[in-house]
Protein backbone atom coordinates (compact mmCIF):
# COMPACT_ATOMS: atom_id res chain seq x y z
CA UNK A 1 41.94 122.01 -274.58
CA UNK A 2 38.40 122.17 -273.29
CA UNK A 3 36.30 119.02 -273.06
CA UNK A 4 32.65 119.15 -272.04
CA UNK A 5 30.56 116.18 -270.98
CA UNK A 6 26.88 117.01 -271.42
CA UNK A 7 24.19 115.18 -269.50
CA UNK A 8 21.67 115.63 -266.72
CA UNK A 9 23.61 113.55 -264.20
CA UNK A 10 22.38 110.09 -265.12
CA UNK A 11 24.51 106.96 -264.70
CA UNK A 12 25.46 106.95 -268.40
CA UNK A 13 26.60 110.56 -268.20
CA UNK A 14 28.74 109.85 -265.15
CA UNK A 15 30.26 106.80 -266.88
CA UNK A 16 31.19 108.94 -269.91
CA UNK A 17 32.70 111.59 -267.65
CA UNK A 18 34.83 108.97 -265.87
CA UNK A 19 36.00 107.53 -269.20
CA UNK A 20 36.92 111.02 -270.45
CA UNK A 21 38.96 111.72 -267.32
CA UNK A 22 40.75 108.39 -267.72
CA UNK A 23 41.51 109.10 -271.39
CA UNK A 24 42.86 112.58 -270.60
CA UNK A 25 45.08 111.15 -267.87
CA UNK A 26 46.38 108.31 -270.07
CA UNK A 27 47.14 110.74 -272.92
CA UNK A 28 48.79 113.10 -270.41
CA UNK A 29 46.85 116.04 -271.82
CA UNK A 30 46.39 119.42 -270.27
CA UNK A 31 42.64 119.70 -270.59
CA UNK A 32 39.75 121.19 -268.69
CA UNK A 33 37.02 118.57 -268.31
CA UNK A 34 33.73 120.34 -267.62
CA UNK A 35 30.46 118.60 -266.70
CA UNK A 36 27.39 120.40 -268.07
CA UNK A 37 24.14 119.31 -266.43
CA UNK A 38 21.84 122.27 -267.07
CA UNK A 39 19.38 121.30 -269.82
CA UNK A 40 19.27 124.83 -271.26
CA UNK A 41 23.07 124.85 -271.56
CA UNK A 42 22.97 121.42 -273.17
CA UNK A 43 20.36 122.55 -275.71
CA UNK A 44 22.38 125.71 -276.41
CA UNK A 45 25.08 123.37 -277.76
CA UNK A 46 22.53 121.90 -280.20
CA UNK A 47 22.50 118.57 -278.37
CA UNK A 48 19.19 116.75 -277.96
CA UNK A 49 20.53 113.32 -276.99
CA UNK A 50 22.75 112.77 -273.98
CA UNK A 51 25.31 111.90 -272.97
CA UNK A 52 27.33 114.01 -275.36
CA UNK A 53 30.95 115.00 -275.67
CA UNK A 54 32.27 118.32 -276.95
CA UNK A 55 35.96 118.86 -277.69
CA UNK A 56 37.08 122.46 -278.19
CA UNK A 57 33.55 123.54 -279.14
CA UNK A 58 32.82 120.67 -281.56
CA UNK A 59 30.27 117.96 -280.77
CA UNK A 60 32.12 114.69 -281.32
CA UNK A 61 29.74 112.22 -279.65
CA UNK A 62 26.09 112.21 -278.68
CA UNK A 63 23.46 109.81 -277.47
CA UNK A 64 25.80 107.06 -276.31
CA UNK A 65 28.74 106.11 -274.12
CA UNK A 66 32.18 105.60 -275.62
CA UNK A 67 35.02 103.56 -274.21
CA UNK A 68 38.37 105.02 -273.20
CA UNK A 69 40.05 103.97 -276.46
CA UNK A 70 37.41 105.66 -278.63
CA UNK A 71 37.51 108.79 -276.47
CA UNK A 72 41.29 108.95 -276.87
CA UNK A 73 40.81 108.90 -280.64
CA UNK A 74 38.10 111.58 -280.47
CA UNK A 75 40.07 114.01 -278.31
CA UNK A 76 43.40 113.47 -280.04
CA UNK A 77 41.90 113.98 -283.49
CA UNK A 78 42.56 110.37 -284.51
């Protein structure tokens, strides 16, 4: 599984990244969590509002922070 956290490095983006890492650990998933900060790369994903979350190539969250519980649901398909 590949999970990307998109954002320019702001506090909200870092908070989302931390929550994603916590969710992955709690779910005991084997996943690559990648932080994407380059604005051109972010726009290449079709994202105009950050922070955003991409799971296996699909944008599942954009423009806001999610809590660990919601992230668990998003990355486990629930």
